[in-house]
PDB file of N, CA and C in Angstrom:
ATOM      1  N   MET A   1      12.454 -23.807 -50.659  1.00  0.00           N
ATOM      2  CA  MET A   1      11.040 -23.739 -50.968  1.00  0.00           C
ATOM      3  C   MET A   1      10.744 -24.843 -52.047  1.00  0.00           C
ATOM      4  N   ALA A   2      10.038 -25.891 -51.750  1.00  0.00           N
ATOM      5  CA  ALA A   2       9.894 -27.239 -52.670  1.00  0.00           C
ATOM      6  C   ALA A   2       9.018 -26.656 -53.789  1.00  0.00           C
ATOM      7  N   HIS A   3       7.851 -26.172 -53.653  1.00  0.00           N
ATOM      8  CA  HIS A   3       6.909 -25.975 -54.765  1.00  0.00           C
ATOM      9  C   HIS A   3       6.433 -24.439 -54.538  1.00  0.00           C
ATOM     10  N   VAL A   4       6.395 -23.807 -55.762  1.00  0.00           N
ATOM     11  CA  VAL A   4       5.972 -22.429 -55.522  1.00  0.00           C
ATOM     12  C   VAL A   4       5.178 -22.210 -56.723  1.00  0.00           C
ATOM     13  N   GLU A   5       3.922 -21.546 -56.350  1.00  0.00           N
ATOM     14  CA  GLU A   5       2.925 -21.224 -57.473  1.00  0.00           C
ATOM     15  C   GLU A   5       2.938 -19.620 -57.483  1.00  0.00           C
ATOM     16  N   LYS A   6       3.101 -19.151 -58.774  1.00  0.00           N
ATOM     17  CA  LYS A   6       3.070 -17.706 -59.009  1.00  0.00           C
ATOM     18  C   LYS A   6       1.672 -17.204 -59.155  1.00  0.00           C
ATOM     19  N   LEU A   7       1.491 -16.171 -58.354  1.00  0.00           N
ATOM     20  CA  LEU A   7       0.076 -15.540 -58.562  1.00  0.00           C
ATOM     21  C   LEU A   7       0.311 -13.987 -58.879  1.00  0.00           C
ATOM     22  N   SER A   8      -0.648 -13.375 -59.601  1.00  0.00           N
ATOM     23  CA  SER A   8      -0.601 -12.172 -59.696  1.00  0.00           C
ATOM     24  C   SER A   8      -1.596 -11.411 -58.684  1.00  0.00           C
ATOM     25  N   ILE A   9      -1.204 -10.492 -57.965  1.00  0.00           N
ATOM     26  CA  ILE A   9      -2.005  -9.848 -56.989  1.00  0.00           C
ATOM     27  C   ILE A   9      -2.134  -8.315 -57.362  1.00  0.00           C
ATOM     28  N   ALA A  10      -3.067  -7.592 -56.779  1.00  0.00           N
ATOM     29  CA  ALA A  10      -3.313  -6.262 -57.080  1.00  0.00           C
ATOM     30  C   ALA A  10      -3.266  -5.699 -55.680  1.00  0.00           C
ATOM     31  N   LEU A  11      -2.411  -4.541 -55.468  1.00  0.00           N
ATOM     32  CA  LEU A  11      -2.248  -3.858 -54.161  1.00  0.00           C
ATOM     33  C   LEU A  11      -2.664  -2.362 -54.361  1.00  0.00           C
ATOM     34  N   THR A  12      -3.106  -1.783 -53.345  1.00  0.00           N
ATOM     35  CA  THR A  12      -3.234  -0.216 -53.450  1.00  0.00           C
ATOM     36  C   THR A  12      -1.780   0.155 -53.415  1.00  0.00           C
ATOM     37  N   PRO A  13      -1.683   1.408 -54.005  1.00  0.00           N
ATOM     38  CA  PRO A  13      -0.445   2.156 -54.114  1.00  0.00           C
ATOM     39  C   PRO A  13       0.347   2.270 -52.742  1.00  0.00           C
ATOM     40  N   GLU A  14      -0.413   2.483 -51.651  1.00  0.00           N
ATOM     41  CA  GLU A  14       0.349   2.506 -50.434  1.00  0.00           C
ATOM     42  C   GLU A  14       0.691   1.192 -50.059  1.00  0.00           C
ATOM     43  N   MET A  15      -0.079   0.169 -50.181  1.00  0.00           N
ATOM     44  CA  MET A  15       0.579  -1.226 -49.916  1.00  0.00           C
ATOM     45  C   MET A  15       1.643  -1.540 -50.635  1.00  0.00           C
ATOM     46  N   ALA A  16       1.788  -1.337 -51.991  1.00  0.00           N
ATOM     47  CA  ALA A  16       2.786  -1.506 -52.848  1.00  0.00           C
ATOM     48  C   ALA A  16       4.129  -0.886 -52.414  1.00  0.00           C
ATOM     49  N   GLU A  17       3.940   0.379 -52.171  1.00  0.00           N
ATOM     50  CA  GLU A  17       5.029   1.148 -51.555  1.00  0.00           C
ATOM     51  C   GLU A  17       5.469   0.562 -50.260  1.00  0.00           C
ATOM     52  N   ALA A  18       4.667   0.119 -49.537  1.00  0.00           N
ATOM     53  CA  ALA A  18       5.182  -0.563 -48.064  1.00  0.00           C
ATOM     54  C   ALA A  18       5.993  -1.831 -48.561  1.00  0.00           C
ATOM     55  N   VAL A  19       5.574  -2.514 -49.355  1.00  0.00           N
ATOM     56  CA  VAL A  19       6.307  -3.783 -49.834  1.00  0.00           C
ATOM     57  C   VAL A  19       7.734  -3.417 -50.391  1.00  0.00           C
ATOM     58  N   ARG A  20       7.711  -2.338 -51.193  1.00  0.00           N
ATOM     59  CA  ARG A  20       8.896  -1.938 -51.770  1.00  0.00           C
ATOM     60  C   ARG A  20       9.849  -1.434 -50.766  1.00  0.00           C
ATOM     61  N   GLN A  21       9.379  -0.723 -49.780  1.00  0.00           N
ATOM     62  CA  GLN A  21      10.237  -0.165 -48.825  1.00  0.00           C
ATOM     63  C   GLN A  21      10.819  -1.264 -47.935  1.00  0.00           C
ATOM     64  N   CYS A  22      10.174  -2.230 -47.624  1.00  0.00           N
ATOM     65  CA  CYS A  22      10.644  -3.402 -46.892  1.00  0.00           C
ATOM     66  C   CYS A  22      11.695  -4.008 -47.554  1.00  0.00           C
ATOM     67  N   VAL A  23      11.704  -4.255 -48.822  1.00  0.00           N
ATOM     68  CA  VAL A  23      12.582  -4.903 -49.656  1.00  0.00           C
ATOM     69  C   VAL A  23      13.839  -3.922 -49.770  1.00  0.00           C
ATOM     70  N   GLU A  24      13.722  -2.525 -49.984  1.00  0.00           N
ATOM     71  CA  GLU A  24      14.671  -1.551 -50.220  1.00  0.00           C
ATOM     72  C   GLU A  24      15.526  -1.578 -49.003  1.00  0.00           C
ATOM     73  N   SER A  25      14.908  -1.626 -47.854  1.00  0.00           N
ATOM     74  CA  SER A  25      15.660  -1.367 -46.522  1.00  0.00           C
ATOM     75  C   SER A  25      16.355  -2.594 -46.115  1.00  0.00           C
ATOM     76  N   GLY A  26      16.256  -3.695 -47.073  1.00  0.00           N
ATOM     77  CA  GLY A  26      16.990  -4.950 -46.682  1.00  0.00           C
ATOM     78  C   GLY A  26      16.336  -5.703 -45.546  1.00  0.00           C
ATOM     79  N   GLU A  27      15.123  -5.353 -45.189  1.00  0.00           N
ATOM     80  CA  GLU A  27      14.358  -6.127 -44.094  1.00  0.00           C
ATOM     81  C   GLU A  27      13.916  -7.498 -44.819  1.00  0.00           C
ATOM     82  N   TYR A  28      13.717  -7.514 -45.981  1.00  0.00           N
ATOM     83  CA  TYR A  28      13.216  -8.703 -46.702  1.00  0.00           C
ATOM     84  C   TYR A  28      14.110  -8.853 -48.126  1.00  0.00           C
ATOM     85  N   ALA A  29      14.293  -9.961 -48.579  1.00  0.00           N
ATOM     86  CA  ALA A  29      15.032 -10.146 -49.911  1.00  0.00           C
ATOM     87  C   ALA A  29      14.245 -10.047 -51.067  1.00  0.00           C
ATOM     88  N   SER A  30      12.888 -10.159 -50.974  1.00  0.00           N
ATOM     89  CA  SER A  30      11.902  -9.953 -52.169  1.00  0.00           C
ATOM     90  C   SER A  30      10.623  -9.507 -51.648  1.00  0.00           C
ATOM     91  N   SER A  31       9.828  -9.136 -52.638  1.00  0.00           N
ATOM     92  CA  SER A  31       8.489  -8.683 -52.385  1.00  0.00           C
ATOM     93  C   SER A  31       7.693 -10.048 -51.940  1.00  0.00           C
ATOM     94  N   SER A  32       8.023 -11.190 -52.514  1.00  0.00           N
ATOM     95  CA  SER A  32       7.415 -12.375 -52.294  1.00  0.00           C
ATOM     96  C   SER A  32       7.443 -12.801 -50.691  1.00  0.00           C
ATOM     97  N   GLU A  33       8.733 -12.421 -50.146  1.00  0.00           N
ATOM     98  CA  GLU A  33       8.933 -12.775 -48.814  1.00  0.00           C
ATOM     99  C   GLU A  33       8.066 -11.885 -48.055  1.00  0.00           C
ATOM    100  N   VAL A  34       7.869 -10.688 -48.212  1.00  0.00           N
ATOM    101  CA  VAL A  34       6.945  -9.822 -47.587  1.00  0.00           C
ATOM    102  C   VAL A  34       5.585 -10.295 -47.520  1.00  0.00           C
ATOM    103  N   ILE A  35       4.961 -10.666 -48.772  1.00  0.00           N
ATOM    104  CA  ILE A  35       3.705 -11.250 -48.953  1.00  0.00           C
ATOM    105  C   ILE A  35       3.602 -12.460 -48.216  1.00  0.00           C
ATOM    106  N   ARG A  36       4.592 -13.494 -48.223  1.00  0.00           N
ATOM    107  CA  ARG A  36       4.420 -14.698 -47.496  1.00  0.00           C
ATOM    108  C   ARG A  36       4.356 -14.482 -46.035  1.00  0.00           C
ATOM    109  N   GLU A  37       5.130 -13.584 -45.399  1.00  0.00           N
ATOM    110  CA  GLU A  37       5.057 -13.307 -43.966  1.00  0.00           C
ATOM    111  C   GLU A  37       3.757 -12.688 -43.657  1.00  0.00           C
ATOM    112  N   ALA A  38       3.208 -11.771 -44.480  1.00  0.00           N
ATOM    113  CA  ALA A  38       1.970 -11.163 -44.270  1.00  0.00           C
ATOM    114  C   ALA A  38       0.842 -12.232 -44.237  1.00  0.00           C
ATOM    115  N   LEU A  39       0.900 -13.232 -45.175  1.00  0.00           N
ATOM    116  CA  LEU A  39      -0.042 -14.322 -45.220  1.00  0.00           C
ATOM    117  C   LEU A  39       0.033 -15.237 -44.057  1.00  0.00           C
ATOM    118  N   ARG A  40       1.255 -15.434 -43.632  1.00  0.00           N
ATOM    119  CA  ARG A  40       1.413 -16.372 -42.325  1.00  0.00           C
ATOM    120  C   ARG A  40       0.748 -15.776 -41.161  1.00  0.00           C
ATOM    121  N   ASP A  41       1.173 -14.285 -41.052  1.00  0.00           N
ATOM    122  CA  ASP A  41       0.487 -13.573 -39.858  1.00  0.00           C
ATOM    123  C   ASP A  41      -1.042 -13.519 -40.058  1.00  0.00           C
ATOM    124  N   TRP A  42      -1.629 -13.373 -41.322  1.00  0.00           N
ATOM    125  CA  TRP A  42      -3.079 -13.405 -41.489  1.00  0.00           C
ATOM    126  C   TRP A  42      -3.609 -14.669 -41.118  1.00  0.00           C
ATOM    127  N   LYS A  43      -2.993 -15.893 -41.521  1.00  0.00           N
ATOM    128  CA  LYS A  43      -3.464 -17.144 -40.967  1.00  0.00           C
ATOM    129  C   LYS A  43      -3.434 -17.307 -39.508  1.00  0.00           C
ATOM    130  N   LEU A  44      -2.347 -16.819 -38.908  1.00  0.00           N
ATOM    131  CA  LEU A  44      -2.447 -16.865 -37.408  1.00  0.00           C
ATOM    132  C   LEU A  44      -3.477 -16.081 -36.836  1.00  0.00           C
ATOM    133  N   LYS A  45      -3.699 -14.968 -37.239  1.00  0.00           N
ATOM    134  CA  LYS A  45      -4.600 -13.952 -36.731  1.00  0.00           C
ATOM    135  C   LYS A  45      -6.036 -14.711 -37.011  1.00  0.00           C
ATOM    136  N   ARG A  46      -6.402 -15.168 -38.220  1.00  0.00           N
ATOM    137  CA  ARG A  46      -7.694 -15.845 -38.490  1.00  0.00           C
ATOM    138  C   ARG A  46      -7.682 -17.156 -37.546  1.00  0.00           C
ATOM    139  N   SER A  47      -6.840 -17.824 -37.350  1.00  0.00           N
ATOM    140  CA  SER A  47      -6.946 -19.025 -36.332  1.00  0.00           C
ATOM    141  C   SER A  47      -7.369 -18.500 -34.997  1.00  0.00           C
ATOM    142  N   LEU A  48      -6.699 -17.604 -34.598  1.00  0.00           N
ATOM    143  CA  LEU A  48      -6.949 -17.011 -33.226  1.00  0.00           C
ATOM    144  C   LEU A  48      -8.398 -16.528 -33.099  1.00  0.00           C
ATOM    145  N   GLN A  49      -8.835 -15.874 -34.087  1.00  0.00           N
ATOM    146  CA  GLN A  49     -10.269 -15.351 -34.142  1.00  0.00           C
ATOM    147  C   GLN A  49     -11.213 -16.526 -34.153  1.00  0.00           C
ATOM    148  N   GLN A  50     -10.874 -17.411 -34.951  1.00  0.00           N
ATOM    149  CA  GLN A  50     -11.802 -18.706 -34.894  1.00  0.00           C
ATOM    150  C   GLN A  50     -11.773 -19.304 -33.420  1.00  0.00           C
ATOM    151  N   ASN A  51     -10.607 -19.381 -32.842  1.00  0.00           N
ATOM    152  CA  ASN A  51     -10.607 -19.899 -31.555  1.00  0.00           C
ATOM    153  C   ASN A  51     -11.506 -19.093 -30.358  1.00  0.00           C
ATOM    154  N   GLU A  52     -11.287 -17.838 -30.643  1.00  0.00           N
ATOM    155  CA  GLU A  52     -12.074 -16.824 -29.935  1.00  0.00           C
ATOM    156  C   GLU A  52     -13.545 -17.146 -30.083  1.00  0.00           C
ATOM    157  N   ILE A  53     -14.063 -17.043 -31.399  1.00  0.00           N
ATOM    158  CA  ILE A  53     -15.420 -17.380 -31.756  1.00  0.00           C
ATOM    159  C   ILE A  53     -15.856 -18.715 -30.979  1.00  0.00           C
ATOM    160  N   GLU A  54     -15.110 -19.704 -31.066  1.00  0.00           N
ATOM    161  CA  GLU A  54     -15.453 -21.070 -30.583  1.00  0.00           C
ATOM    162  C   GLU A  54     -15.584 -21.017 -29.170  1.00  0.00           C
ATOM    163  N   GLU A  55     -14.759 -19.998 -28.387  1.00  0.00           N
ATOM    164  CA  GLU A  55     -14.740 -20.043 -26.943  1.00  0.00           C
ATOM    165  C   GLU A  55     -16.094 -19.233 -26.584  1.00  0.00           C
ATOM    166  N   LEU A  56     -16.328 -18.109 -27.374  1.00  0.00           N
ATOM    167  CA  LEU A  56     -17.655 -17.450 -27.109  1.00  0.00           C
ATOM    168  C   LEU A  56     -18.842 -18.312 -27.247  1.00  0.00           C
ATOM    169  N   ARG A  57     -18.881 -19.135 -28.223  1.00  0.00           N
ATOM    170  CA  ARG A  57     -19.934 -20.030 -28.624  1.00  0.00           C
ATOM    171  C   ARG A  57     -20.004 -21.038 -27.250  1.00  0.00           C
ATOM    172  N   ASN A  58     -19.034 -21.511 -26.832  1.00  0.00           N
ATOM    173  CA  ASN A  58     -18.911 -22.396 -25.784  1.00  0.00           C
ATOM    174  C   ASN A  58     -19.479 -21.678 -24.398  1.00  0.00           C
ATOM    175  N   LEU A  59     -19.104 -20.410 -24.259  1.00  0.00           N
ATOM    176  CA  LEU A  59     -19.509 -19.664 -23.087  1.00  0.00           C
ATOM    177  C   LEU A  59     -20.972 -19.556 -23.229  1.00  0.00           C
ATOM    178  N   TRP A  60     -21.459 -19.079 -24.423  1.00  0.00           N
ATOM    179  CA  TRP A  60     -22.874 -18.780 -24.701  1.00  0.00           C
ATOM    180  C   TRP A  60     -23.614 -20.000 -24.324  1.00  0.00           C
ATOM    181  N   GLN A  61     -23.224 -21.246 -24.718  1.00  0.00           N
ATOM    182  CA  GLN A  61     -24.051 -22.441 -24.586  1.00  0.00           C
ATOM    183  C   GLN A  61     -23.883 -22.702 -23.018  1.00  0.00           C
ATOM    184  N   THR A  62     -22.840 -22.556 -22.314  1.00  0.00           N
ATOM    185  CA  THR A  62     -22.803 -22.848 -20.962  1.00  0.00           C
ATOM    186  C   THR A  62     -23.995 -21.996 -20.194  1.00  0.00           C
ATOM    187  N   GLY A  63     -23.908 -20.649 -20.646  1.00  0.00           N
ATOM    188  CA  GLY A  63     -24.981 -19.799 -20.115  1.00  0.00           C
ATOM    189  C   GLY A  63     -26.343 -20.284 -20.412  1.00  0.00           C
ATOM    190  N   LEU A  64     -26.617 -20.678 -21.578  1.00  0.00           N
ATOM    191  CA  LEU A  64     -28.045 -21.157 -21.895  1.00  0.00           C
ATOM    192  C   LEU A  64     -28.272 -22.479 -21.203  1.00  0.00           C
ATOM    193  N   ASP A  65     -27.275 -23.372 -21.008  1.00  0.00           N
ATOM    194  CA  ASP A  65     -27.523 -24.560 -20.213  1.00  0.00           C
ATOM    195  C   ASP A  65     -27.646 -24.273 -18.803  1.00  0.00           C
ATOM    196  N   SER A  66     -27.114 -23.362 -18.176  1.00  0.00           N
ATOM    197  CA  SER A  66     -27.262 -22.987 -16.878  1.00  0.00           C
ATOM    198  C   SER A  66     -28.651 -22.578 -16.296  1.00  0.00           C
ATOM    199  N   GLY A  67     -29.540 -22.489 -17.182  1.00  0.00           N
ATOM    200  CA  GLY A  67     -30.917 -22.223 -16.913  1.00  0.00           C
ATOM    201  C   GLY A  67     -31.259 -20.722 -16.956  1.00  0.00           C
ATOM    202  N   PRO A  68     -32.615 -20.595 -16.554  1.00  0.00           N
ATOM    203  CA  PRO A  68     -32.942 -19.106 -16.662  1.00  0.00           C
ATOM    204  C   PRO A  68     -32.190 -18.228 -15.600  1.00  0.00           C
ATOM    205  N   GLY A  69     -32.283 -16.917 -15.898  1.00  0.00           N
ATOM    206  CA  GLY A  69     -31.528 -15.923 -15.088  1.00  0.00           C
ATOM    207  C   GLY A  69     -32.406 -15.681 -13.887  1.00  0.00           C
ATOM    208  N   ARG A  70     -31.944 -14.998 -12.833  1.00  0.00           N
ATOM    209  CA  ARG A  70     -32.580 -14.609 -11.734  1.00  0.00           C
ATOM    210  C   ARG A  70     -33.282 -13.436 -11.913  1.00  0.00           C
ATOM    211  N   LEU A  71     -32.975 -12.528 -12.658  1.00  0.00           N
ATOM    212  CA  LEU A  71     -33.634 -11.210 -12.852  1.00  0.00           C
ATOM    213  C   LEU A  71     -34.489 -11.296 -14.141  1.00  0.00           C
ATOM    214  N   ASP A  72     -35.793 -10.833 -13.828  1.00  0.00           N
ATOM    215  CA  ASP A  72     -36.821 -10.903 -15.049  1.00  0.00           C
ATOM    216  C   ASP A  72     -36.626  -9.781 -16.107  1.00  0.00           C
ATOM    217  N   ASP A  73     -36.360  -8.586 -15.618  1.00  0.00           N
ATOM    218  CA  ASP A  73     -36.398  -7.545 -16.606  1.00  0.00           C
ATOM    219  C   ASP A  73     -35.176  -6.608 -16.403  1.00  0.00           C
ATOM    220  N   MET A  74     -35.061  -5.708 -17.591  1.00  0.00           N
ATOM    221  CA  MET A  74     -34.038  -4.758 -17.404  1.00  0.00           C
ATOM    222  C   MET A  74     -33.944  -3.905 -16.280  1.00  0.00           C
ATOM    223  N   ASN A  75     -35.026  -3.519 -15.759  1.00  0.00           N
ATOM    224  CA  ASN A  75     -35.021  -2.535 -14.431  1.00  0.00           C
ATOM    225  C   ASN A  75     -34.465  -3.379 -13.288  1.00  0.00           C
ATOM    226  N   ALA A  76     -34.808  -4.717 -13.129  1.00  0.00           N
ATOM    227  CA  ALA A  76     -34.189  -5.421 -12.193  1.00  0.00           C
ATOM    228  C   ALA A  76     -32.777  -5.473 -12.334  1.00  0.00           C
ATOM    229  N   ILE A  77     -32.264  -5.704 -13.580  1.00  0.00           N
ATOM    230  CA  ILE A  77     -30.855  -5.816 -13.761  1.00  0.00           C
ATOM    231  C   ILE A  77     -30.050  -4.612 -13.327  1.00  0.00           C
ATOM    232  N   LYS A  78     -30.763  -3.440 -13.732  1.00  0.00           N
ATOM    233  CA  LYS A  78     -30.033  -2.181 -13.487  1.00  0.00           C
ATOM    234  C   LYS A  78     -30.024  -1.957 -12.022  1.00  0.00           C
ATOM    235  N   ALA A  79     -31.092  -2.239 -11.348  1.00  0.00           N
ATOM    236  CA  ALA A  79     -31.246  -2.111  -9.837  1.00  0.00           C
ATOM    237  C   ALA A  79     -30.082  -2.923  -9.087  1.00  0.00           C
ATOM    238  N   LYS A  80     -29.908  -4.129  -9.562  1.00  0.00           N
ATOM    239  CA  LYS A  80     -28.872  -4.917  -8.944  1.00  0.00           C
ATOM    240  C   LYS A  80     -27.544  -4.495  -9.124  1.00  0.00           C
ATOM    241  N   ALA A  81     -27.256  -3.964 -10.484  1.00  0.00           N
ATOM    242  CA  ALA A  81     -26.053  -3.419 -10.744  1.00  0.00           C
ATOM    243  C   ALA A  81     -25.654  -2.124  -9.875  1.00  0.00           C
ATOM    244  N   ARG A  82     -26.611  -1.261  -9.718  1.00  0.00           N
ATOM    245  CA  ARG A  82     -26.618  -0.189  -8.827  1.00  0.00           C
ATOM    246  C   ARG A  82     -26.157  -0.595  -7.506  1.00  0.00           C
ATOM    247  N   GLN A  83     -26.911  -1.563  -6.999  1.00  0.00           N
ATOM    248  CA  GLN A  83     -26.843  -2.093  -5.609  1.00  0.00           C
ATOM    249  C   GLN A  83     -25.281  -2.578  -5.540  1.00  0.00           C
ATOM    250  N   ARG A  84     -24.828  -3.320  -6.528  1.00  0.00           N
ATOM    251  CA  ARG A  84     -23.419  -3.815  -6.432  1.00  0.00           C
ATOM    252  C   ARG A  84     -22.328  -2.570  -6.468  1.00  0.00           C
ATOM    253  N   LEU A  85     -22.643  -1.640  -7.286  1.00  0.00           N
ATOM    254  CA  LEU A  85     -21.690  -0.443  -7.426  1.00  0.00           C
ATOM    255  C   LEU A  85     -21.639   0.401  -6.007  1.00  0.00           C
ATOM    256  N   LEU A  86     -22.836   0.543  -5.541  1.00  0.00           N
ATOM    257  CA  LEU A  86     -22.849   1.110  -4.189  1.00  0.00           C
ATOM    258  C   LEU A  86     -22.080   0.435  -3.105  1.00  0.00           C
ATOM    259  N   SER A  87     -22.301  -0.937  -3.122  1.00  0.00           N
ATOM    260  CA  SER A  87     -21.714  -1.658  -2.044  1.00  0.00           C
ATOM    261  C   SER A  87     -20.127  -1.602  -2.208  1.00  0.00           C
ATOM    262  N   GLN A  88     -19.605  -1.636  -3.372  1.00  0.00           N
ATOM    263  CA  GLN A  88     -18.251  -1.563  -3.690  1.00  0.00           C
ATOM    264  C   GLN A  88     -17.717  -0.153  -3.324  1.00  0.00           C
ATOM    265  N   ASP A  89     -18.487   0.795  -3.514  1.00  0.00           N
ATOM    266  CA  ASP A  89     -18.038   2.159  -3.139  1.00  0.00           C
ATOM    267  C   ASP A  89     -17.999   2.280  -1.660  1.00  0.00           C
ATOM    268  N   THR A  90     -18.778   1.642  -0.986  1.00  0.00           N
ATOM    269  CA  THR A  90     -18.821   1.675   0.660  1.00  0.00           C
ATOM    270  C   THR A  90     -17.628   0.839   1.214  1.00  0.00           C
ATOM    271  N   GLU A  91     -17.180  -0.157   0.368  1.00  0.00           N
ATOM    272  CA  GLU A  91     -16.250  -1.089   0.909  1.00  0.00           C
ATOM    273  C   GLU A  91     -14.817  -0.364   0.785  1.00  0.00           C
ATOM    274  N   GLN A  92     -14.586   0.366  -0.409  1.00  0.00           N
ATOM    275  CA  GLN A  92     -13.497   1.061  -0.460  1.00  0.00           C
ATOM    276  C   GLN A  92     -13.190   2.165   0.193  1.00  0.00           C
ATOM    277  N   HIS A  93     -14.255   2.844   0.901  1.00  0.00           N
ATOM    278  CA  HIS A  93     -13.981   4.048   1.711  1.00  0.00           C
ATOM    279  C   HIS A  93     -14.088   3.578   3.197  1.00  0.00           C
TER     280      HIS A  93
END
């Protein structure tokens, strides 16, 4: 590790105990290793979430760009959904 910056962090008693248990079990050599891995996982999770958000934005925009919907109101949407459900039931039997 080329450059290390020491930080002081506050953990709940449960989190601190989980960190201590990981070190005591030999899974990690130090508390710092536990925290570094947790931060790497957090960064990965955050990156995946950002990608998902971007994908949803793209899909939303694609929907908007596709023009107005074919059904005008909620009753029409529900009726169409019921019609599809009934047609699926008859196809399966």
